[in-house]
PDB file of all heavy atoms in Angstrom:
ATOM      1  N   THR A   1       0.834  -1.209   0.000  1.00  0.00           N
ATOM      2  CA  THR A   1       0.000   0.000   0.000  1.00  0.00           C
ATOM      3  C   THR A   1       0.866   1.256   0.000  1.00  0.00           C
ATOM      4  O   THR A   1       1.845   1.346   0.735  1.00  0.00           O
ATOM      5  CB  THR A   1      -0.922   0.016   1.232  1.00  0.00           C
ATOM      6  OG1 THR A   1      -1.753  -1.138   1.204  1.00  0.00           O
ATOM      7  CG2 THR A   1      -1.787   1.265   1.248  1.00  0.00           C
ATOM      8  N   VAL A   2       0.460   2.225  -0.835  1.00  0.00           N
ATOM      9  CA  VAL A   2       1.085   3.549  -0.849  1.00  0.00           C
ATOM     10  C   VAL A   2       0.220   4.483  -0.011  1.00  0.00           C
ATOM     11  O   VAL A   2      -0.977   4.635  -0.275  1.00  0.00           O
ATOM     12  CB  VAL A   2       1.202   4.092  -2.288  1.00  0.00           C
ATOM     13  CG1 VAL A   2       1.739   5.524  -2.271  1.00  0.00           C
ATOM     14  CG2 VAL A   2       2.093   3.194  -3.124  1.00  0.00           C
ATOM     15  N   ALA A   3       0.801   5.080   1.002  1.00  0.00           N
ATOM     16  CA  ALA A   3       0.037   5.954   1.897  1.00  0.00           C
ATOM     17  C   ALA A   3      -0.319   7.263   1.197  1.00  0.00           C
ATOM     18  O   ALA A   3       0.462   7.770   0.379  1.00  0.00           O
ATOM     19  CB  ALA A   3       0.848   6.242   3.151  1.00  0.00           C
ATOM     20  N   PRO A   4      -1.501   7.832   1.510  1.00  0.00           N
ATOM     21  CA  PRO A   4      -1.886   9.102   0.881  1.00  0.00           C
ATOM     22  C   PRO A   4      -1.065  10.265   1.426  1.00  0.00           C
ATOM     23  O   PRO A   4      -0.608  10.238   2.571  1.00  0.00           O
ATOM     24  CB  PRO A   4      -3.359   9.241   1.266  1.00  0.00           C
ATOM     25  CG  PRO A   4      -3.480   8.505   2.556  1.00  0.00           C
ATOM     26  CD  PRO A   4      -2.528   7.337   2.445  1.00  0.00           C
ATOM     27  N   ALA A   5      -0.894  11.276   0.610  1.00  0.00           N
ATOM     28  CA  ALA A   5      -0.202  12.491   1.053  1.00  0.00           C
ATOM     29  C   ALA A   5      -1.084  13.257   2.021  1.00  0.00           C
ATOM     30  O   ALA A   5      -2.318  13.226   1.929  1.00  0.00           O
ATOM     31  CB  ALA A   5       0.133  13.367  -0.148  1.00  0.00           C
ATOM     32  N   LYS A   6      -0.451  13.945   2.947  1.00  0.00           N
ATOM     33  CA  LYS A   6      -1.170  14.802   3.894  1.00  0.00           C
ATOM     34  C   LYS A   6      -0.890  16.259   3.517  1.00  0.00           C
ATOM     35  O   LYS A   6       0.273  16.668   3.443  1.00  0.00           O
ATOM     36  CB  LYS A   6      -0.730  14.525   5.319  1.00  0.00           C
ATOM     37  CG  LYS A   6      -1.101  13.124   5.801  1.00  0.00           C
ATOM     38  CD  LYS A   6      -0.643  12.889   7.231  1.00  0.00           C
ATOM     39  CE  LYS A   6      -1.034  11.497   7.701  1.00  0.00           C
ATOM     40  NZ  LYS A   6      -0.558  11.229   9.091  1.00  0.00           N
ATOM     41  N   VAL A   7      -1.957  17.008   3.278  1.00  0.00           N
ATOM     42  CA  VAL A   7      -1.842  18.381   2.794  1.00  0.00           C
ATOM     43  C   VAL A   7      -2.424  19.345   3.814  1.00  0.00           C
ATOM     44  O   VAL A   7      -3.547  19.140   4.301  1.00  0.00           O
ATOM     45  CB  VAL A   7      -2.566  18.548   1.440  1.00  0.00           C
ATOM     46  CG1 VAL A   7      -2.523  20.006   0.984  1.00  0.00           C
ATOM     47  CG2 VAL A   7      -1.949  17.642   0.380  1.00  0.00           C
ATOM     48  N   LEU A   8      -1.679  20.401   4.130  1.00  0.00           N
ATOM     49  CA  LEU A   8      -2.161  21.466   4.995  1.00  0.00           C
ATOM     50  C   LEU A   8      -2.298  22.733   4.170  1.00  0.00           C
ATOM     51  O   LEU A   8      -1.337  23.179   3.540  1.00  0.00           O
ATOM     52  CB  LEU A   8      -1.195  21.713   6.157  1.00  0.00           C
ATOM     53  CG  LEU A   8      -1.504  22.920   7.061  1.00  0.00           C
ATOM     54  CD1 LEU A   8      -2.832  22.722   7.786  1.00  0.00           C
ATOM     55  CD2 LEU A   8      -0.374  23.149   8.064  1.00  0.00           C
ATOM     56  N   VAL A   9      -3.494  23.325   4.161  1.00  0.00           N
ATOM     57  CA  VAL A   9      -3.747  24.573   3.445  1.00  0.00           C
ATOM     58  C   VAL A   9      -3.816  25.702   4.468  1.00  0.00           C
ATOM     59  O   VAL A   9      -4.635  25.645   5.397  1.00  0.00           O
ATOM     60  CB  VAL A   9      -5.042  24.506   2.626  1.00  0.00           C
ATOM     61  CG1 VAL A   9      -5.312  25.838   1.929  1.00  0.00           C
ATOM     62  CG2 VAL A   9      -4.962  23.378   1.593  1.00  0.00           C
ATOM     63  N   LEU A  10      -2.971  26.696   4.307  1.00  0.00           N
ATOM     64  CA  LEU A  10      -2.934  27.821   5.243  1.00  0.00           C
ATOM     65  C   LEU A  10      -3.646  29.014   4.614  1.00  0.00           C
ATOM     66  O   LEU A  10      -3.155  29.601   3.643  1.00  0.00           O
ATOM     67  CB  LEU A  10      -1.492  28.176   5.594  1.00  0.00           C
ATOM     68  CG  LEU A  10      -0.729  27.064   6.335  1.00  0.00           C
ATOM     69  CD1 LEU A  10       0.105  26.238   5.366  1.00  0.00           C
ATOM     70  CD2 LEU A  10       0.184  27.642   7.410  1.00  0.00           C
ATOM     71  N   GLY A  11      -4.807  29.336   5.148  1.00  0.00           N
ATOM     72  CA  GLY A  11      -5.643  30.387   4.590  1.00  0.00           C
ATOM     73  C   GLY A  11      -6.785  29.764   3.815  1.00  0.00           C
ATOM     74  O   GLY A  11      -6.560  29.087   2.805  1.00  0.00           O
ATOM     75  N   ALA A  12      -8.010  29.972   4.277  1.00  0.00           N
ATOM     76  CA  ALA A  12      -9.170  29.332   3.648  1.00  0.00           C
ATOM     77  C   ALA A  12     -10.056  30.359   2.957  1.00  0.00           C
ATOM     78  O   ALA A  12     -11.271  30.375   3.118  1.00  0.00           O
ATOM     79  CB  ALA A  12      -9.975  28.543   4.684  1.00  0.00           C
ATOM     80  N   GLY A  13      -9.407  31.241   2.178  1.00  0.00           N
ATOM     81  CA  GLY A  13     -10.157  32.149   1.329  1.00  0.00           C
ATOM     82  C   GLY A  13     -10.490  31.454   0.027  1.00  0.00           C
ATOM     83  O   GLY A  13     -10.559  30.222  -0.038  1.00  0.00           O
ATOM     84  N   VAL A  14     -10.670  32.215  -1.034  1.00  0.00           N
ATOM     85  CA  VAL A  14     -11.032  31.635  -2.323  1.00  0.00           C
ATOM     86  C   VAL A  14      -9.967  30.660  -2.807  1.00  0.00           C
ATOM     87  O   VAL A  14     -10.261  29.531  -3.197  1.00  0.00           O
ATOM     88  CB  VAL A  14     -11.266  32.742  -3.370  1.00  0.00           C
ATOM     89  CG1 VAL A  14     -11.504  32.139  -4.749  1.00  0.00           C
ATOM     90  CG2 VAL A  14     -12.457  33.609  -2.972  1.00  0.00           C
ATOM     91  N   ALA A  15      -8.697  31.085  -2.796  1.00  0.00           N
ATOM     92  CA  ALA A  15      -7.616  30.215  -3.258  1.00  0.00           C
ATOM     93  C   ALA A  15      -7.480  28.988  -2.368  1.00  0.00           C
ATOM     94  O   ALA A  15      -7.293  27.865  -2.852  1.00  0.00           O
ATOM     95  CB  ALA A  15      -6.300  30.993  -3.302  1.00  0.00           C
ATOM     96  N   GLY A  16      -7.582  29.203  -1.069  1.00  0.00           N
ATOM     97  CA  GLY A  16      -7.436  28.098  -0.129  1.00  0.00           C
ATOM     98  C   GLY A  16      -8.521  27.048  -0.273  1.00  0.00           C
ATOM     99  O   GLY A  16      -8.250  25.843  -0.249  1.00  0.00           O
ATOM    100  N   LEU A  17      -9.753  27.488  -0.426  1.00  0.00           N
ATOM    101  CA  LEU A  17     -10.854  26.538  -0.571  1.00  0.00           C
ATOM    102  C   LEU A  17     -10.722  25.728  -1.862  1.00  0.00           C
ATOM    103  O   LEU A  17     -11.004  24.528  -1.883  1.00  0.00           O
ATOM    104  CB  LEU A  17     -12.199  27.281  -0.533  1.00  0.00           C
ATOM    105  CG  LEU A  17     -12.560  27.905   0.823  1.00  0.00           C
ATOM    106  CD1 LEU A  17     -13.822  28.757   0.695  1.00  0.00           C
ATOM    107  CD2 LEU A  17     -12.760  26.823   1.892  1.00  0.00           C
ATOM    108  N   GLN A  18     -10.287  26.381  -2.929  1.00  0.00           N
ATOM    109  CA  GLN A  18     -10.082  25.633  -4.174  1.00  0.00           C
ATOM    110  C   GLN A  18      -8.906  24.668  -4.037  1.00  0.00           C
ATOM    111  O   GLN A  18      -8.946  23.552  -4.577  1.00  0.00           O
ATOM    112  CB  GLN A  18      -9.840  26.593  -5.335  1.00  0.00           C
ATOM    113  CG  GLN A  18      -9.727  25.925  -6.690  1.00  0.00           C
ATOM    114  CD  GLN A  18     -10.935  25.096  -7.042  1.00  0.00           C
ATOM    115  OE1 GLN A  18     -10.870  23.862  -7.101  1.00  0.00           O
ATOM    116  NE2 GLN A  18     -12.064  25.751  -7.276  1.00  0.00           N
ATOM    117  N   ALA A  19      -7.877  25.068  -3.296  1.00  0.00           N
ATOM    118  CA  ALA A  19      -6.746  24.171  -3.051  1.00  0.00           C
ATOM    119  C   ALA A  19      -7.200  22.940  -2.265  1.00  0.00           C
ATOM    120  O   ALA A  19      -6.779  21.814  -2.561  1.00  0.00           O
ATOM    121  CB  ALA A  19      -5.644  24.916  -2.295  1.00  0.00           C
ATOM    122  N   ILE A  20      -8.060  23.160  -1.273  1.00  0.00           N
ATOM    123  CA  ILE A  20      -8.597  22.040  -0.497  1.00  0.00           C
ATOM    124  C   ILE A  20      -9.355  21.079  -1.410  1.00  0.00           C
ATOM    125  O   ILE A  20      -9.141  19.859  -1.391  1.00  0.00           O
ATOM    126  CB  ILE A  20      -9.533  22.551   0.616  1.00  0.00           C
ATOM    127  CG1 ILE A  20      -8.742  23.311   1.680  1.00  0.00           C
ATOM    128  CG2 ILE A  20     -10.304  21.383   1.263  1.00  0.00           C
ATOM    129  CD1 ILE A  20      -9.615  24.098   2.648  1.00  0.00           C
ATOM    130  N   ALA A  21     -10.250  21.633  -2.214  1.00  0.00           N
ATOM    131  CA  ALA A  21     -11.066  20.806  -3.104  1.00  0.00           C
ATOM    132  C   ALA A  21     -10.199  20.024  -4.085  1.00  0.00           C
ATOM    133  O   ALA A  21     -10.447  18.836  -4.356  1.00  0.00           O
ATOM    134  CB  ALA A  21     -12.063  21.683  -3.855  1.00  0.00           C
ATOM    135  N   THR A  22      -9.164  20.668  -4.613  1.00  0.00           N
ATOM    136  CA  THR A  22      -8.290  20.016  -5.592  1.00  0.00           C
ATOM    137  C   THR A  22      -7.463  18.913  -4.947  1.00  0.00           C
ATOM    138  O   THR A  22      -7.321  17.815  -5.504  1.00  0.00           O
ATOM    139  CB  THR A  22      -7.364  21.054  -6.257  1.00  0.00           C
ATOM    140  OG1 THR A  22      -8.162  22.076  -6.851  1.00  0.00           O
ATOM    141  CG2 THR A  22      -6.496  20.412  -7.322  1.00  0.00           C
ATOM    142  N   ALA A  23      -6.921  19.193  -3.762  1.00  0.00           N
ATOM    143  CA  ALA A  23      -6.132  18.178  -3.062  1.00  0.00           C
ATOM    144  C   ALA A  23      -6.996  16.969  -2.700  1.00  0.00           C
ATOM    145  O   ALA A  23      -6.546  15.816  -2.773  1.00  0.00           O
ATOM    146  CB  ALA A  23      -5.510  18.787  -1.806  1.00  0.00           C
ATOM    147  N   LYS A  24      -8.250  17.222  -2.311  1.00  0.00           N
ATOM    148  CA  LYS A  24      -9.172  16.118  -2.016  1.00  0.00           C
ATOM    149  C   LYS A  24      -9.425  15.288  -3.274  1.00  0.00           C
ATOM    150  O   LYS A  24      -9.480  14.056  -3.217  1.00  0.00           O
ATOM    151  CB  LYS A  24     -10.485  16.661  -1.464  1.00  0.00           C
ATOM    152  CG  LYS A  24     -10.414  17.222  -0.057  1.00  0.00           C
ATOM    153  CD  LYS A  24     -10.160  16.127   0.993  1.00  0.00           C
ATOM    154  CE  LYS A  24     -11.335  15.182   1.121  1.00  0.00           C
ATOM    155  NZ  LYS A  24     -11.096  14.162   2.176  1.00  0.00           N
ATOM    156  N   ARG A  25      -9.611  15.957  -4.414  1.00  0.00           N
ATOM    157  CA  ARG A  25      -9.853  15.228  -5.665  1.00  0.00           C
ATOM    158  C   ARG A  25      -8.670  14.332  -6.019  1.00  0.00           C
ATOM    159  O   ARG A  25      -8.846  13.281  -6.639  1.00  0.00           O
ATOM    160  CB  ARG A  25     -10.093  16.217  -6.817  1.00  0.00           C
ATOM    161  CG  ARG A  25     -11.386  16.985  -6.753  1.00  0.00           C
ATOM    162  CD  ARG A  25     -11.608  17.757  -8.053  1.00  0.00           C
ATOM    163  NE  ARG A  25     -12.566  18.837  -7.868  1.00  0.00           N
ATOM    164  CZ  ARG A  25     -12.279  20.114  -7.786  1.00  0.00           C
ATOM    165  NH1 ARG A  25     -11.020  20.506  -7.871  1.00  0.00           N
ATOM    166  NH2 ARG A  25     -13.207  21.023  -7.618  1.00  0.00           N
ATOM    167  N   LEU A  26      -7.477  14.776  -5.648  1.00  0.00           N
ATOM    168  CA  LEU A  26      -6.283  13.985  -5.938  1.00  0.00           C
ATOM    169  C   LEU A  26      -6.044  12.894  -4.907  1.00  0.00           C
ATOM    170  O   LEU A  26      -5.062  12.156  -5.002  1.00  0.00           O
ATOM    171  CB  LEU A  26      -5.054  14.900  -6.020  1.00  0.00           C
ATOM    172  CG  LEU A  26      -5.014  15.864  -7.211  1.00  0.00           C
ATOM    173  CD1 LEU A  26      -3.784  16.744  -7.143  1.00  0.00           C
ATOM    174  CD2 LEU A  26      -5.023  15.078  -8.528  1.00  0.00           C
ATOM    175  N   GLY A  27      -6.925  12.804  -3.915  1.00  0.00           N
ATOM    176  CA  GLY A  27      -6.859  11.706  -2.959  1.00  0.00           C
ATOM    177  C   GLY A  27      -6.061  11.959  -1.709  1.00  0.00           C
ATOM    178  O   GLY A  27      -5.782  11.032  -0.937  1.00  0.00           O
ATOM    179  N   ALA A  28      -5.680  13.206  -1.444  1.00  0.00           N
ATOM    180  CA  ALA A  28      -4.891  13.521  -0.253  1.00  0.00           C
ATOM    181  C   ALA A  28      -5.774  13.629   0.983  1.00  0.00           C
ATOM    182  O   ALA A  28      -6.985  13.837   0.891  1.00  0.00           O
ATOM    183  CB  ALA A  28      -4.129  14.821  -0.463  1.00  0.00           C
ATOM    184  N   ILE A  29      -5.145  13.500   2.133  1.00  0.00           N
ATOM    185  CA  ILE A  29      -5.807  13.799   3.404  1.00  0.00           C
ATOM    186  C   ILE A  29      -5.533  15.270   3.686  1.00  0.00           C
ATOM    187  O   ILE A  29      -4.373  15.688   3.768  1.00  0.00           O
ATOM    188  CB  ILE A  29      -5.254  12.924   4.540  1.00  0.00           C
ATOM    189  CG1 ILE A  29      -5.556  11.447   4.267  1.00  0.00           C
ATOM    190  CG2 ILE A  29      -5.834  13.351   5.885  1.00  0.00           C
ATOM    191  CD1 ILE A  29      -4.886  10.500   5.232  1.00  0.00           C
ATOM    192  N   VAL A  30      -6.587  16.067   3.831  1.00  0.00           N
ATOM    193  CA  VAL A  30      -6.424  17.528   3.847  1.00  0.00           C
ATOM    194  C   VAL A  30      -6.888  18.137   5.167  1.00  0.00           C
ATOM    195  O   VAL A  30      -7.939  17.763   5.704  1.00  0.00           O
ATOM    196  CB  VAL A  30      -7.206  18.175   2.689  1.00  0.00           C
ATOM    197  CG1 VAL A  30      -6.919  19.676   2.620  1.00  0.00           C
ATOM    198  CG2 VAL A  30      -6.854  17.516   1.353  1.00  0.00           C
ATOM    199  N   SER A  31      -6.107  19.076   5.651  1.00  0.00           N
ATOM    200  CA  SER A  31      -6.505  19.921   6.780  1.00  0.00           C
ATOM    201  C   SER A  31      -6.230  21.364   6.384  1.00  0.00           C
ATOM    202  O   SER A  31      -5.483  21.637   5.444  1.00  0.00           O
ATOM    203  CB  SER A  31      -5.747  19.550   8.060  1.00  0.00           C
ATOM    204  OG  SER A  31      -4.348  19.626   7.853  1.00  0.00           O
ATOM    205  N   ALA A  32      -6.853  22.293   7.091  1.00  0.00           N
ATOM    206  CA  ALA A  32      -6.694  23.708   6.746  1.00  0.00           C
ATOM    207  C   ALA A  32      -6.790  24.558   7.994  1.00  0.00           C
ATOM    208  O   ALA A  32      -7.438  24.184   8.979  1.00  0.00           O
ATOM    209  CB  ALA A  32      -7.755  24.138   5.733  1.00  0.00           C
ATOM    210  N   THR A  33      -6.147  25.725   7.932  1.00  0.00           N
ATOM    211  CA  THR A  33      -6.202  26.660   9.048  1.00  0.00           C
ATOM    212  C   THR A  33      -6.503  28.063   8.547  1.00  0.00           C
ATOM    213  O   THR A  33      -6.165  28.418   7.420  1.00  0.00           O
ATOM    214  CB  THR A  33      -4.869  26.656   9.830  1.00  0.00           C
ATOM    215  OG1 THR A  33      -4.956  27.549  10.943  1.00  0.00           O
ATOM    216  CG2 THR A  33      -3.711  27.082   8.945  1.00  0.00           C
ATOM    217  N   ASP A  34      -7.186  28.842   9.383  1.00  0.00           N
ATOM    218  CA  ASP A  34      -7.529  30.222   9.067  1.00  0.00           C
ATOM    219  C   ASP A  34      -7.845  30.918  10.375  1.00  0.00           C
ATOM    220  O   ASP A  34      -8.236  30.270  11.352  1.00  0.00           O
ATOM    221  CB  ASP A  34      -8.748  30.273   8.125  1.00  0.00           C
ATOM    222  CG  ASP A  34      -8.880  31.615   7.415  1.00  0.00           C
ATOM    223  OD1 ASP A  34      -9.270  32.599   8.087  1.00  0.00           O
ATOM    224  OD2 ASP A  34      -8.610  31.687   6.213  1.00  0.00           O
ATOM    225  N   VAL A  35      -7.676  32.246  10.416  1.00  0.00           N
ATOM    226  CA  VAL A  35      -7.966  32.987  11.643  1.00  0.00           C
ATOM    227  C   VAL A  35      -9.456  33.292  11.777  1.00  0.00           C
ATOM    228  O   VAL A  35      -9.915  33.719  12.830  1.00  0.00           O
ATOM    229  CB  VAL A  35      -7.162  34.307  11.711  1.00  0.00           C
ATOM    230  CG1 VAL A  35      -5.668  34.005  11.694  1.00  0.00           C
ATOM    231  CG2 VAL A  35      -7.535  35.249  10.572  1.00  0.00           C
ATOM    232  N   ARG A  36     -10.234  33.087  10.703  1.00  0.00           N
ATOM    233  CA  ARG A  36     -11.652  33.441  10.721  1.00  0.00           C
ATOM    234  C   ARG A  36     -12.515  32.224  11.051  1.00  0.00           C
ATOM    235  O   ARG A  36     -12.498  31.238  10.312  1.00  0.00           O
ATOM    236  CB  ARG A  36     -12.060  33.998   9.353  1.00  0.00           C
ATOM    237  CG  ARG A  36     -11.293  35.239   8.912  1.00  0.00           C
ATOM    238  CD  ARG A  36     -11.486  35.496   7.417  1.00  0.00           C
ATOM    239  NE  ARG A  36     -11.040  34.358   6.626  1.00  0.00           N
ATOM    240  CZ  ARG A  36     -11.671  33.896   5.552  1.00  0.00           C
ATOM    241  NH1 ARG A  36     -12.789  34.470   5.139  1.00  0.00           N
ATOM    242  NH2 ARG A  36     -11.196  32.863   4.890  1.00  0.00           N
ATOM    243  N   PRO A  37     -13.285  32.271  12.134  1.00  0.00           N
ATOM    244  CA  PRO A  37     -14.132  31.128  12.494  1.00  0.00           C
ATOM    245  C   PRO A  37     -15.122  30.748  11.401  1.00  0.00           C
ATOM    246  O   PRO A  37     -15.488  29.582  11.267  1.00  0.00           O
ATOM    247  CB  PRO A  37     -14.874  31.634  13.746  1.00  0.00           C
ATOM    248  CG  PRO A  37     -14.021  32.714  14.305  1.00  0.00           C
ATOM    249  CD  PRO A  37     -13.375  33.367  13.118  1.00  0.00           C
ATOM    250  N   VAL A  38     -15.547  31.744  10.596  1.00  0.00           N
ATOM    251  CA  VAL A  38     -16.522  31.471   9.544  1.00  0.00           C
ATOM    252  C   VAL A  38     -15.973  30.473   8.529  1.00  0.00           C
ATOM    253  O   VAL A  38     -16.743  29.795   7.830  1.00  0.00           O
ATOM    254  CB  VAL A  38     -16.935  32.784   8.838  1.00  0.00           C
ATOM    255  CG1 VAL A  38     -15.783  33.345   8.019  1.00  0.00           C
ATOM    256  CG2 VAL A  38     -18.155  32.577   7.952  1.00  0.00           C
TER     257      VAL A  38
END
């Protein structure tokens, strides 16, 4: 088995959210951080 990549996205604005979606599509395990609770 090849383990999935773990991706951290820093900043969940427009670019960050698209990065999250793209990394998920590629099969990575994704986490993200932002200063805004929203």
